[in-house]
Amino acid sequence: MRVLLVEDNALTRFTIKSLLDKIGHEVVGEAEDAAEALECFKRLKPDVVFLDLILPGKSGVEILGELRAVDPDAKIVVVTAVEQDEIDRRLADKGVNAILRKPFSYEDFKTLMKDLA
């Protein structure tokens, strides 16, 4: 699958990109904030977006709504260390496909990608 990474932390981006490469997926773009995320999403049309929940400027919840407005069927995985029922409900209401909790294992990651295929 073709993946867009939206994450402001370079180490986390590198880790996710390395895992995706290892299991045969292609990272077609990387974004560090909301504006860059939306521009890359429109231009690259990825199969999956890995979206950090906490970003500079706008939250992942806000960006999720903007991505859904462009493509209601996009596969979007929220990556977060935040674990709150209210946020999970808001994400579910906006149609998130999955939530990947930090820290995550390689096996968690492989299972998630298989489920998205």
PDB file of N, CA and C in Angstrom:
ATOM      1  N   MET A   1       0.833  -1.179   0.000  1.00  0.00           N
ATOM      2  CA  MET A   1       0.000   0.000   0.000  1.00  0.00           C
ATOM      3  C   MET A   1       0.880   1.247   0.000  1.00  0.00           C
ATOM      4  N   ARG A   2       0.337   2.314  -0.549  1.00  0.00           N
ATOM      5  CA  ARG A   2       0.991   3.625  -0.578  1.00  0.00           C
ATOM      6  C   ARG A   2       0.544   4.411   0.652  1.00  0.00           C
ATOM      7  N   VAL A   3       1.509   4.891   1.438  1.00  0.00           N
ATOM      8  CA  VAL A   3       1.207   5.470   2.745  1.00  0.00           C
ATOM      9  C   VAL A   3       1.713   6.908   2.853  1.00  0.00           C
ATOM     10  N   LEU A   4       0.891   7.754   3.461  1.00  0.00           N
ATOM     11  CA  LEU A   4       1.284   9.111   3.842  1.00  0.00           C
ATOM     12  C   LEU A   4       1.458   9.127   5.359  1.00  0.00           C
ATOM     13  N   LEU A   5       2.616   9.597   5.828  1.00  0.00           N
ATOM     14  CA  LEU A   5       2.878   9.729   7.266  1.00  0.00           C
ATOM     15  C   LEU A   5       2.694  11.177   7.683  1.00  0.00           C
ATOM     16  N   VAL A   6       1.816  11.404   8.649  1.00  0.00           N
ATOM     17  CA  VAL A   6       1.610  12.751   9.196  1.00  0.00           C
ATOM     18  C   VAL A   6       2.004  12.681  10.667  1.00  0.00           C
ATOM     19  N   GLU A   7       3.203  13.165  10.944  1.00  0.00           N
ATOM     20  CA  GLU A   7       3.794  13.033  12.274  1.00  0.00           C
ATOM     21  C   GLU A   7       4.857  14.108  12.421  1.00  0.00           C
ATOM     22  N   ASP A   8       4.798  14.875  13.509  1.00  0.00           N
ATOM     23  CA  ASP A   8       5.774  15.951  13.688  1.00  0.00           C
ATOM     24  C   ASP A   8       7.089  15.484  14.302  1.00  0.00           C
ATOM     25  N   ASN A   9       7.124  14.287  14.838  1.00  0.00           N
ATOM     26  CA  ASN A   9       8.342  13.768  15.449  1.00  0.00           C
ATOM     27  C   ASN A   9       9.134  12.948  14.423  1.00  0.00           C
ATOM     28  N   ALA A  10      10.339  13.408  14.106  1.00  0.00           N
ATOM     29  CA  ALA A  10      11.153  12.766  13.068  1.00  0.00           C
ATOM     30  C   ALA A  10      11.491  11.317  13.415  1.00  0.00           C
ATOM     31  N   LEU A  11      11.768  11.033  14.683  1.00  0.00           N
ATOM     32  CA  LEU A  11      12.110   9.667  15.078  1.00  0.00           C
ATOM     33  C   LEU A  11      10.913   8.727  14.886  1.00  0.00           C
ATOM     34  N   THR A  12       9.735   9.180  15.255  1.00  0.00           N
ATOM     35  CA  THR A  12       8.536   8.354  15.070  1.00  0.00           C
ATOM     36  C   THR A  12       8.271   8.127  13.588  1.00  0.00           C
ATOM     37  N   ARG A  13       8.426   9.184  12.767  1.00  0.00           N
ATOM     38  CA  ARG A  13       8.268   9.022  11.309  1.00  0.00           C
ATOM     39  C   ARG A  13       9.246   7.982  10.779  1.00  0.00           C
ATOM     40  N   PHE A  14      10.502   8.084  11.209  1.00  0.00           N
ATOM     41  CA  PHE A  14      11.522   7.144  10.757  1.00  0.00           C
ATOM     42  C   PHE A  14      11.160   5.712  11.155  1.00  0.00           C
ATOM     43  N   THR A  15      10.706   5.535  12.383  1.00  0.00           N
ATOM     44  CA  THR A  15      10.347   4.207  12.880  1.00  0.00           C
ATOM     45  C   THR A  15       9.201   3.611  12.067  1.00  0.00           C
ATOM     46  N   ILE A  16       8.144   4.391  11.869  1.00  0.00           N
ATOM     47  CA  ILE A  16       6.997   3.892  11.109  1.00  0.00           C
ATOM     48  C   ILE A  16       7.398   3.608   9.663  1.00  0.00           C
ATOM     49  N   LYS A  17       8.162   4.501   9.071  1.00  0.00           N
ATOM     50  CA  LYS A  17       8.618   4.302   7.689  1.00  0.00           C
ATOM     51  C   LYS A  17       9.447   3.026   7.583  1.00  0.00           C
ATOM     52  N   SER A  18      10.342   2.797   8.528  1.00  0.00           N
ATOM     53  CA  SER A  18      11.171   1.584   8.521  1.00  0.00           C
ATOM     54  C   SER A  18      10.315   0.323   8.619  1.00  0.00           C
ATOM     55  N   LEU A  19       9.316   0.351   9.502  1.00  0.00           N
ATOM     56  CA  LEU A  19       8.422  -0.804   9.639  1.00  0.00           C
ATOM     57  C   LEU A  19       7.621  -1.039   8.365  1.00  0.00           C
ATOM     58  N   LEU A  20       7.123   0.034   7.772  1.00  0.00           N
ATOM     59  CA  LEU A  20       6.357  -0.105   6.529  1.00  0.00           C
ATOM     60  C   LEU A  20       7.231  -0.672   5.410  1.00  0.00           C
ATOM     61  N   ASP A  21       8.443  -0.155   5.289  1.00  0.00           N
ATOM     62  CA  ASP A  21       9.382  -0.672   4.283  1.00  0.00           C
ATOM     63  C   ASP A  21       9.641  -2.157   4.509  1.00  0.00           C
ATOM     64  N   LYS A  22       9.840  -2.536   5.746  1.00  0.00           N
ATOM     65  CA  LYS A  22      10.168  -3.923   6.094  1.00  0.00           C
ATOM     66  C   LYS A  22       9.061  -4.897   5.702  1.00  0.00           C
ATOM     67  N   ILE A  23       7.816  -4.456   5.775  1.00  0.00           N
ATOM     68  CA  ILE A  23       6.707  -5.367   5.441  1.00  0.00           C
ATOM     69  C   ILE A  23       6.133  -5.097   4.049  1.00  0.00           C
ATOM     70  N   GLY A  24       6.872  -4.315   3.249  1.00  0.00           N
ATOM     71  CA  GLY A  24       6.538  -4.205   1.833  1.00  0.00           C
ATOM     72  C   GLY A  24       5.598  -3.095   1.426  1.00  0.00           C
ATOM     73  N   HIS A  25       5.470  -2.057   2.232  1.00  0.00           N
ATOM     74  CA  HIS A  25       4.619  -0.923   1.875  1.00  0.00           C
ATOM     75  C   HIS A  25       5.493   0.273   1.525  1.00  0.00           C
ATOM     76  N   GLU A  26       4.939   1.203   0.759  1.00  0.00           N
ATOM     77  CA  GLU A  26       5.696   2.348   0.269  1.00  0.00           C
ATOM     78  C   GLU A  26       5.212   3.647   0.925  1.00  0.00           C
ATOM     79  N   VAL A  27       6.117   4.359   1.554  1.00  0.00           N
ATOM     80  CA  VAL A  27       5.795   5.683   2.081  1.00  0.00           C
ATOM     81  C   VAL A  27       5.966   6.670   0.931  1.00  0.00           C
ATOM     82  N   VAL A  28       4.849   7.243   0.483  1.00  0.00           N
ATOM     83  CA  VAL A  28       4.887   8.148  -0.673  1.00  0.00           C
ATOM     84  C   VAL A  28       5.029   9.607  -0.256  1.00  0.00           C
ATOM     85  N   GLY A  29       4.826   9.899   1.033  1.00  0.00           N
ATOM     86  CA  GLY A  29       4.963  11.270   1.501  1.00  0.00           C
ATOM     87  C   GLY A  29       4.996  11.346   3.008  1.00  0.00           C
ATOM     88  N   GLU A  30       5.567  12.459   3.488  1.00  0.00           N
ATOM     89  CA  GLU A  30       5.635  12.724   4.919  1.00  0.00           C
ATOM     90  C   GLU A  30       5.245  14.174   5.162  1.00  0.00           C
ATOM     91  N   ALA A  31       4.476  14.407   6.222  1.00  0.00           N
ATOM     92  CA  ALA A  31       4.042  15.756   6.579  1.00  0.00           C
ATOM     93  C   ALA A  31       4.211  15.951   8.080  1.00  0.00           C
ATOM     94  N   GLU A  32       4.540  17.195   8.468  1.00  0.00           N
ATOM     95  CA  GLU A  32       4.761  17.496   9.881  1.00  0.00           C
ATOM     96  C   GLU A  32       3.650  18.330  10.501  1.00  0.00           C
ATOM     97  N   ASP A  33       2.711  18.842   9.678  1.00  0.00           N
ATOM     98  CA  ASP A  33       1.626  19.666  10.217  1.00  0.00           C
ATOM     99  C   ASP A  33       0.386  19.526   9.337  1.00  0.00           C
ATOM    100  N   ALA A  34      -0.697  20.182   9.750  1.00  0.00           N
ATOM    101  CA  ALA A  34      -1.991  20.037   9.083  1.00  0.00           C
ATOM    102  C   ALA A  34      -1.982  20.513   7.635  1.00  0.00           C
ATOM    103  N   ALA A  35      -1.423  21.674   7.393  1.00  0.00           N
ATOM    104  CA  ALA A  35      -1.427  22.224   6.034  1.00  0.00           C
ATOM    105  C   ALA A  35      -0.676  21.308   5.081  1.00  0.00           C
ATOM    106  N   GLU A  36       0.478  20.858   5.510  1.00  0.00           N
ATOM    107  CA  GLU A  36       1.293  19.960   4.695  1.00  0.00           C
ATOM    108  C   GLU A  36       0.572  18.620   4.495  1.00  0.00           C
ATOM    109  N   ALA A  37      -0.112  18.137   5.528  1.00  0.00           N
ATOM    110  CA  ALA A  37      -0.841  16.877   5.448  1.00  0.00           C
ATOM    111  C   ALA A  37      -1.931  16.938   4.392  1.00  0.00           C
ATOM    112  N   LEU A  38      -2.721  17.983   4.420  1.00  0.00           N
ATOM    113  CA  LEU A  38      -3.824  18.111   3.478  1.00  0.00           C
ATOM    114  C   LEU A  38      -3.314  18.246   2.047  1.00  0.00           C
ATOM    115  N   GLU A  39      -2.266  19.034   1.858  1.00  0.00           N
ATOM    116  CA  GLU A  39      -1.688  19.214   0.522  1.00  0.00           C
ATOM    117  C   GLU A  39      -1.150  17.883  -0.009  1.00  0.00           C
ATOM    118  N   CYS A  40      -0.403  17.153   0.815  1.00  0.00           N
ATOM    119  CA  CYS A  40       0.147  15.858   0.401  1.00  0.00           C
ATOM    120  C   CYS A  40      -0.968  14.852   0.112  1.00  0.00           C
ATOM    121  N   PHE A  41      -1.992  14.852   0.940  1.00  0.00           N
ATOM    122  CA  PHE A  41      -3.109  13.925   0.759  1.00  0.00           C
ATOM    123  C   PHE A  41      -3.792  14.153  -0.591  1.00  0.00           C
ATOM    124  N   LYS A  42      -4.063  15.397  -0.911  1.00  0.00           N
ATOM    125  CA  LYS A  42      -4.712  15.719  -2.189  1.00  0.00           C
ATOM    126  C   LYS A  42      -3.824  15.366  -3.377  1.00  0.00           C
ATOM    127  N   ARG A  43      -2.540  15.681  -3.256  1.00  0.00           N
ATOM    128  CA  ARG A  43      -1.606  15.487  -4.365  1.00  0.00           C
ATOM    129  C   ARG A  43      -1.232  14.021  -4.564  1.00  0.00           C
ATOM    130  N   LEU A  44      -0.990  13.302  -3.475  1.00  0.00           N
ATOM    131  CA  LEU A  44      -0.445  11.942  -3.567  1.00  0.00           C
ATOM    132  C   LEU A  44      -1.508  10.844  -3.607  1.00  0.00           C
ATOM    133  N   LYS A  45      -2.698  11.134  -3.085  1.00  0.00           N
ATOM    134  CA  LYS A  45      -3.783  10.150  -3.034  1.00  0.00           C
ATOM    135  C   LYS A  45      -3.316   8.789  -2.484  1.00  0.00           C
ATOM    136  N   PRO A  46      -2.832   8.770  -1.249  1.00  0.00           N
ATOM    137  CA  PRO A  46      -2.314   7.523  -0.663  1.00  0.00           C
ATOM    138  C   PRO A  46      -3.440   6.538  -0.356  1.00  0.00           C
ATOM    139  N   ASP A  47      -3.055   5.276  -0.206  1.00  0.00           N
ATOM    140  CA  ASP A  47      -4.023   4.241   0.186  1.00  0.00           C
ATOM    141  C   ASP A  47      -4.339   4.332   1.673  1.00  0.00           C
ATOM    142  N   VAL A  48      -3.340   4.731   2.467  1.00  0.00           N
ATOM    143  CA  VAL A  48      -3.474   4.804   3.925  1.00  0.00           C
ATOM    144  C   VAL A  48      -2.767   6.058   4.425  1.00  0.00           C
ATOM    145  N   VAL A  49      -3.358   6.677   5.445  1.00  0.00           N
ATOM    146  CA  VAL A  49      -2.712   7.804   6.125  1.00  0.00           C
ATOM    147  C   VAL A  49      -2.483   7.410   7.575  1.00  0.00           C
ATOM    148  N   PHE A  50      -1.238   7.549   8.037  1.00  0.00           N
ATOM    149  CA  PHE A  50      -0.919   7.416   9.450  1.00  0.00           C
ATOM    150  C   PHE A  50      -0.885   8.830   9.997  1.00  0.00           C
ATOM    151  N   LEU A  51      -1.807   9.144  10.899  1.00  0.00           N
ATOM    152  CA  LEU A  51      -2.037  10.504  11.371  1.00  0.00           C
ATOM    153  C   LEU A  51      -1.794  10.614  12.871  1.00  0.00           C
ATOM    154  N   ASP A  52      -0.794  11.402  13.249  1.00  0.00           N
ATOM    155  CA  ASP A  52      -0.539  11.658  14.663  1.00  0.00           C
ATOM    156  C   ASP A  52      -1.695  12.473  15.226  1.00  0.00           C
ATOM    157  N   LEU A  53      -2.048  12.231  16.454  1.00  0.00           N
ATOM    158  CA  LEU A  53      -3.163  12.934  17.079  1.00  0.00           C
ATOM    159  C   LEU A  53      -2.778  14.337  17.534  1.00  0.00           C
ATOM    160  N   ILE A  54      -1.535  14.503  17.979  1.00  0.00           N
ATOM    161  CA  ILE A  54      -1.099  15.805  18.490  1.00  0.00           C
ATOM    162  C   ILE A  54      -0.068  16.386  17.526  1.00  0.00           C
ATOM    163  N   LEU A  55      -0.467  17.453  16.838  1.00  0.00           N
ATOM    164  CA  LEU A  55       0.374  18.117  15.840  1.00  0.00           C
ATOM    165  C   LEU A  55       0.379  19.617  16.090  1.00  0.00           C
ATOM    166  N   PRO A  56       1.376  20.314  15.569  1.00  0.00           N
ATOM    167  CA  PRO A  56       1.363  21.780  15.684  1.00  0.00           C
ATOM    168  C   PRO A  56       0.208  22.375  14.874  1.00  0.00           C
ATOM    169  N   GLY A  57      -0.451  23.358  15.427  1.00  0.00           N
ATOM    170  CA  GLY A  57      -1.498  24.060  14.684  1.00  0.00           C
ATOM    171  C   GLY A  57      -2.883  23.487  14.885  1.00  0.00           C
ATOM    172  N   LYS A  58      -3.119  22.295  14.369  1.00  0.00           N
ATOM    173  CA  LYS A  58      -4.419  21.636  14.477  1.00  0.00           C
ATOM    174  C   LYS A  58      -4.220  20.239  15.034  1.00  0.00           C
ATOM    175  N   SER A  59      -5.256  19.743  15.664  1.00  0.00           N
ATOM    176  CA  SER A  59      -5.183  18.381  16.192  1.00  0.00           C
ATOM    177  C   SER A  59      -5.451  17.370  15.076  1.00  0.00           C
ATOM    178  N   GLY A  60      -5.058  16.136  15.332  1.00  0.00           N
ATOM    179  CA  GLY A  60      -5.349  15.068  14.391  1.00  0.00           C
ATOM    180  C   GLY A  60      -6.843  14.887  14.173  1.00  0.00           C
ATOM    181  N   VAL A  61      -7.641  15.154  15.204  1.00  0.00           N
ATOM    182  CA  VAL A  61      -9.104  15.051  15.069  1.00  0.00           C
ATOM    183  C   VAL A  61      -9.604  16.062  14.035  1.00  0.00           C
ATOM    184  N   GLU A  62      -9.092  17.285  14.096  1.00  0.00           N
ATOM    185  CA  GLU A  62      -9.489  18.313  13.117  1.00  0.00           C
ATOM    186  C   GLU A  62      -9.033  17.935  11.708  1.00  0.00           C
ATOM    187  N   ILE A  63      -7.798  17.474  11.598  1.00  0.00           N
ATOM    188  CA  ILE A  63      -7.267  17.105  10.281  1.00  0.00           C
ATOM    189  C   ILE A  63      -8.031  15.913   9.717  1.00  0.00           C
ATOM    190  N   LEU A  64      -8.401  14.981  10.573  1.00  0.00           N
ATOM    191  CA  LEU A  64      -9.177  13.819  10.140  1.00  0.00           C
ATOM    192  C   LEU A  64     -10.446  14.263   9.423  1.00  0.00           C
ATOM    193  N   GLY A  65     -11.136  15.239   9.993  1.00  0.00           N
ATOM    194  CA  GLY A  65     -12.345  15.763   9.352  1.00  0.00           C
ATOM    195  C   GLY A  65     -12.060  16.364   7.986  1.00  0.00           C
ATOM    196  N   GLU A  66     -10.950  17.072   7.855  1.00  0.00           N
ATOM    197  CA  GLU A  66     -10.579  17.676   6.569  1.00  0.00           C
ATOM    198  C   GLU A  66     -10.223  16.610   5.541  1.00  0.00           C
ATOM    199  N   LEU A  67      -9.520  15.567   5.979  1.00  0.00           N
ATOM    200  CA  LEU A  67      -9.178  14.481   5.055  1.00  0.00           C
ATOM    201  C   LEU A  67     -10.442  13.759   4.601  1.00  0.00           C
ATOM    202  N   ARG A  68     -11.350  13.519   5.523  1.00  0.00           N
ATOM    203  CA  ARG A  68     -12.628  12.862   5.189  1.00  0.00           C
ATOM    204  C   ARG A  68     -13.447  13.701   4.203  1.00  0.00           C
ATOM    205  N   ALA A  69     -13.358  15.027   4.305  1.00  0.00           N
ATOM    206  CA  ALA A  69     -14.085  15.897   3.371  1.00  0.00           C
ATOM    207  C   ALA A  69     -13.550  15.728   1.952  1.00  0.00           C
ATOM    208  N   VAL A  70     -12.255  15.469   1.825  1.00  0.00           N
ATOM    209  CA  VAL A  70     -11.646  15.254   0.507  1.00  0.00           C
ATOM    210  C   VAL A  70     -11.958  13.849   0.003  1.00  0.00           C
ATOM    211  N   ASP A  71     -11.829  12.848   0.868  1.00  0.00           N
ATOM    212  CA  ASP A  71     -12.077  11.453   0.480  1.00  0.00           C
ATOM    213  C   ASP A  71     -12.722  10.707   1.640  1.00  0.00           C
ATOM    214  N   PRO A  72     -14.041  10.576   1.617  1.00  0.00           N
ATOM    215  CA  PRO A  72     -14.750   9.920   2.719  1.00  0.00           C
ATOM    216  C   PRO A  72     -14.352   8.453   2.928  1.00  0.00           C
ATOM    217  N   ASP A  73     -13.765   7.822   1.903  1.00  0.00           N
ATOM    218  CA  ASP A  73     -13.412   6.414   1.994  1.00  0.00           C
ATOM    219  C   ASP A  73     -11.942   6.161   2.310  1.00  0.00           C
ATOM    220  N   ALA A  74     -11.186   7.205   2.582  1.00  0.00           N
ATOM    221  CA  ALA A  74      -9.752   7.047   2.866  1.00  0.00           C
ATOM    222  C   ALA A  74      -9.540   6.175   4.099  1.00  0.00           C
ATOM    223  N   LYS A  75      -8.476   5.373   4.062  1.00  0.00           N
ATOM    224  CA  LYS A  75      -8.101   4.570   5.232  1.00  0.00           C
ATOM    225  C   LYS A  75      -7.171   5.427   6.082  1.00  0.00           C
ATOM    226  N   ILE A  76      -7.599   5.693   7.306  1.00  0.00           N
ATOM    227  CA  ILE A  76      -6.835   6.572   8.189  1.00  0.00           C
ATOM    228  C   ILE A  76      -6.602   5.876   9.526  1.00  0.00           C
ATOM    229  N   VAL A  77      -5.323   5.823   9.907  1.00  0.00           N
ATOM    230  CA  VAL A  77      -4.917   5.237  11.180  1.00  0.00           C
ATOM    231  C   VAL A  77      -4.376   6.366  12.041  1.00  0.00           C
ATOM    232  N   VAL A  78      -4.968   6.561  13.202  1.00  0.00           N
ATOM    233  CA  VAL A  78      -4.471   7.569  14.138  1.00  0.00           C
ATOM    234  C   VAL A  78      -3.402   6.920  15.007  1.00  0.00           C
ATOM    235  N   VAL A  79      -2.257   7.596  15.097  1.00  0.00           N
ATOM    236  CA  VAL A  79      -1.139   7.133  15.919  1.00  0.00           C
ATOM    237  C   VAL A  79      -1.050   8.058  17.125  1.00  0.00           C
ATOM    238  N   THR A  80      -1.138   7.484  18.323  1.00  0.00           N
ATOM    239  CA  THR A  80      -1.174   8.331  19.506  1.00  0.00           C
ATOM    240  C   THR A  80      -0.708   7.593  20.758  1.00  0.00           C
ATOM    241  N   ALA A  81      -0.229   8.361  21.708  1.00  0.00           N
ATOM    242  CA  ALA A  81       0.070   7.837  23.035  1.00  0.00           C
ATOM    243  C   ALA A  81      -1.075   8.186  23.989  1.00  0.00           C
ATOM    244  N   VAL A  82      -2.005   8.998  23.515  1.00  0.00           N
ATOM    245  CA  VAL A  82      -3.147   9.437  24.318  1.00  0.00           C
ATOM    246  C   VAL A  82      -4.185   8.323  24.347  1.00  0.00           C
ATOM    247  N   GLU A  83      -4.646   7.995  25.543  1.00  0.00           N
ATOM    248  CA  GLU A  83      -5.662   6.958  25.679  1.00  0.00           C
ATOM    249  C   GLU A  83      -6.805   7.509  26.521  1.00  0.00           C
ATOM    250  N   GLN A  84      -7.831   8.002  25.820  1.00  0.00           N
ATOM    251  CA  GLN A  84      -9.003   8.557  26.496  1.00  0.00           C
ATOM    252  C   GLN A  84     -10.249   8.124  25.745  1.00  0.00           C
ATOM    253  N   ASP A  85     -11.256   7.709  26.481  1.00  0.00           N
ATOM    254  CA  ASP A  85     -12.491   7.259  25.853  1.00  0.00           C
ATOM    255  C   ASP A  85     -13.137   8.350  25.009  1.00  0.00           C
ATOM    256  N   GLU A  86     -13.119   9.589  25.497  1.00  0.00           N
ATOM    257  CA  GLU A  86     -13.751  10.689  24.768  1.00  0.00           C
ATOM    258  C   GLU A  86     -13.083  10.907  23.414  1.00  0.00           C
ATOM    259  N   ILE A  87     -11.766  10.896  23.386  1.00  0.00           N
ATOM    260  CA  ILE A  87     -11.051  11.064  22.118  1.00  0.00           C
ATOM    261  C   ILE A  87     -11.339   9.885  21.195  1.00  0.00           C
ATOM    262  N   ASP A  88     -11.349   8.679  21.731  1.00  0.00           N
ATOM    263  CA  ASP A  88     -11.653   7.499  20.924  1.00  0.00           C
ATOM    264  C   ASP A  88     -13.045   7.614  20.303  1.00  0.00           C
ATOM    265  N   ARG A  89     -14.011   8.120  21.064  1.00  0.00           N
ATOM    266  CA  ARG A  89     -15.372   8.293  20.529  1.00  0.00           C
ATOM    267  C   ARG A  89     -15.395   9.332  19.407  1.00  0.00           C
ATOM    268  N   ARG A  90     -14.683  10.437  19.621  1.00  0.00           N
ATOM    269  CA  ARG A  90     -14.627  11.480  18.591  1.00  0.00           C
ATOM    270  C   ARG A  90     -13.982  10.949  17.313  1.00  0.00           C
ATOM    271  N   LEU A  91     -12.929  10.165  17.472  1.00  0.00           N
ATOM    272  CA  LEU A  91     -12.264   9.579  16.306  1.00  0.00           C
ATOM    273  C   LEU A  91     -13.195   8.599  15.589  1.00  0.00           C
ATOM    274  N   ALA A  92     -13.887   7.775  16.346  1.00  0.00           N
ATOM    275  CA  ALA A  92     -14.828   6.824  15.749  1.00  0.00           C
ATOM    276  C   ALA A  92     -15.947   7.561  15.017  1.00  0.00           C
ATOM    277  N   ASP A  93     -16.447   8.651  15.602  1.00  0.00           N
ATOM    278  CA  ASP A  93     -17.497   9.444  14.958  1.00  0.00           C
ATOM    279  C   ASP A  93     -17.030  10.029  13.629  1.00  0.00           C
ATOM    280  N   LYS A  94     -15.732  10.313  13.529  1.00  0.00           N
ATOM    281  CA  LYS A  94     -15.177  10.876  12.297  1.00  0.00           C
ATOM    282  C   LYS A  94     -14.717   9.801  11.323  1.00  0.00           C
ATOM    283  N   GLY A  95     -14.894   8.537  11.694  1.00  0.00           N
ATOM    284  CA  GLY A  95     -14.631   7.449  10.763  1.00  0.00           C
ATOM    285  C   GLY A  95     -13.208   6.939  10.694  1.00  0.00           C
ATOM    286  N   VAL A  96     -12.449   7.074  11.783  1.00  0.00           N
ATOM    287  CA  VAL A  96     -11.078   6.555  11.768  1.00  0.00           C
ATOM    288  C   VAL A  96     -11.126   5.033  11.600  1.00  0.00           C
ATOM    289  N   ASN A  97     -10.207   4.498  10.799  1.00  0.00           N
ATOM    290  CA  ASN A  97     -10.177   3.058  10.554  1.00  0.00           C
ATOM    291  C   ASN A  97      -9.520   2.277  11.686  1.00  0.00           C
ATOM    292  N   ALA A  98      -8.531   2.884  12.340  1.00  0.00           N
ATOM    293  CA  ALA A  98      -7.828   2.199  13.430  1.00  0.00           C
ATOM    294  C   ALA A  98      -7.075   3.219  14.269  1.00  0.00           C
ATOM    295  N   ILE A  99      -6.758   2.812  15.489  1.00  0.00           N
ATOM    296  CA  ILE A  99      -5.916   3.616  16.373  1.00  0.00           C
ATOM    297  C   ILE A  99      -4.713   2.759  16.745  1.00  0.00           C
ATOM    298  N   LEU A 100      -3.528   3.287  16.473  1.00  0.00           N
ATOM    299  CA  LEU A 100      -2.287   2.607  16.824  1.00  0.00           C
ATOM    300  C   LEU A 100      -1.702   3.332  18.020  1.00  0.00           C
ATOM    301  N   ARG A 101      -1.645   2.652  19.159  1.00  0.00           N
ATOM    302  CA  ARG A 101      -1.172   3.262  20.402  1.00  0.00           C
ATOM    303  C   ARG A 101       0.353   3.148  20.516  1.00  0.00           C
ATOM    304  N   LYS A 102       0.967   4.285  20.858  1.00  0.00           N
ATOM    305  CA  LYS A 102       2.400   4.293  21.145  1.00  0.00           C
ATOM    306  C   LYS A 102       2.593   3.869  22.599  1.00  0.00           C
ATOM    307  N   PRO A 103       3.578   3.111  22.940  1.00  0.00           N
ATOM    308  CA  PRO A 103       4.489   2.421  22.026  1.00  0.00           C
ATOM    309  C   PRO A 103       3.803   1.195  21.438  1.00  0.00           C
ATOM    310  N   PHE A 104       4.151   0.855  20.211  1.00  0.00           N
ATOM    311  CA  PHE A 104       3.563  -0.298  19.547  1.00  0.00           C
ATOM    312  C   PHE A 104       4.673  -1.282  19.182  1.00  0.00           C
ATOM    313  N   SER A 105       4.280  -2.547  19.033  1.00  0.00           N
ATOM    314  CA  SER A 105       5.243  -3.586  18.676  1.00  0.00           C
ATOM    315  C   SER A 105       5.207  -3.833  17.169  1.00  0.00           C
ATOM    316  N   TYR A 106       6.222  -4.484  16.692  1.00  0.00           N
ATOM    317  CA  TYR A 106       6.280  -4.865  15.280  1.00  0.00           C
ATOM    318  C   TYR A 106       5.092  -5.757  14.924  1.00  0.00           C
ATOM    319  N   GLU A 107       4.747  -6.690  15.810  1.00  0.00           N
ATOM    320  CA  GLU A 107       3.611  -7.592  15.558  1.00  0.00           C
ATOM    321  C   GLU A 107       2.294  -6.823  15.498  1.00  0.00           C
ATOM    322  N   ASP A 108       2.107  -5.852  16.397  1.00  0.00           N
ATOM    323  CA  ASP A 108       0.901  -5.010  16.352  1.00  0.00           C
ATOM    324  C   ASP A 108       0.811  -4.317  15.002  1.00  0.00           C
ATOM    325  N   PHE A 109       1.941  -3.818  14.556  1.00  0.00           N
ATOM    326  CA  PHE A 109       2.008  -3.072  13.302  1.00  0.00           C
ATOM    327  C   PHE A 109       1.674  -3.974  12.110  1.00  0.00           C
ATOM    328  N   LYS A 110       2.264  -5.168  12.070  1.00  0.00           N
ATOM    329  CA  LYS A 110       1.987  -6.110  10.974  1.00  0.00           C
ATOM    330  C   LYS A 110       0.505  -6.482  10.938  1.00  0.00           C
ATOM    331  N   THR A 111      -0.056  -6.757  12.099  1.00  0.00           N
ATOM    332  CA  THR A 111      -1.477  -7.123  12.175  1.00  0.00           C
ATOM    333  C   THR A 111      -2.357  -5.983  11.671  1.00  0.00           C
ATOM    334  N   LEU A 112      -2.048  -4.770  12.087  1.00  0.00           N
ATOM    335  CA  LEU A 112      -2.812  -3.609  11.650  1.00  0.00           C
ATOM    336  C   LEU A 112      -2.790  -3.482  10.125  1.00  0.00           C
ATOM    337  N   MET A 113      -1.629  -3.606   9.521  1.00  0.00           N
ATOM    338  CA  MET A 113      -1.524  -3.452   8.065  1.00  0.00           C
ATOM    339  C   MET A 113      -2.263  -4.561   7.321  1.00  0.00           C
ATOM    340  N   LYS A 114      -2.250  -5.766   7.869  1.00  0.00           N
ATOM    341  CA  LYS A 114      -3.015  -6.861   7.252  1.00  0.00           C
ATOM    342  C   LYS A 114      -4.506  -6.574   7.334  1.00  0.00           C
ATOM    343  N   ASP A 115      -4.955  -6.037   8.463  1.00  0.00           N
ATOM    344  CA  ASP A 115      -6.376  -5.730   8.641  1.00  0.00           C
ATOM    345  C   ASP A 115      -6.830  -4.624   7.694  1.00  0.00           C
ATOM    346  N   LEU A 116      -5.935  -3.705   7.350  1.00  0.00           N
ATOM    347  CA  LEU A 116      -6.291  -2.606   6.452  1.00  0.00           C
ATOM    348  C   LEU A 116      -6.351  -3.022   4.991  1.00  0.00           C
ATOM    349  N   ALA A 117      -5.648  -4.091   4.652  1.00  0.00           N
ATOM    350  CA  ALA A 117      -5.564  -4.521   3.242  1.00  0.00           C
ATOM    351  C   ALA A 117      -6.897  -4.997   2.710  1.00  0.00           C
TER     352      ALA A 117
END
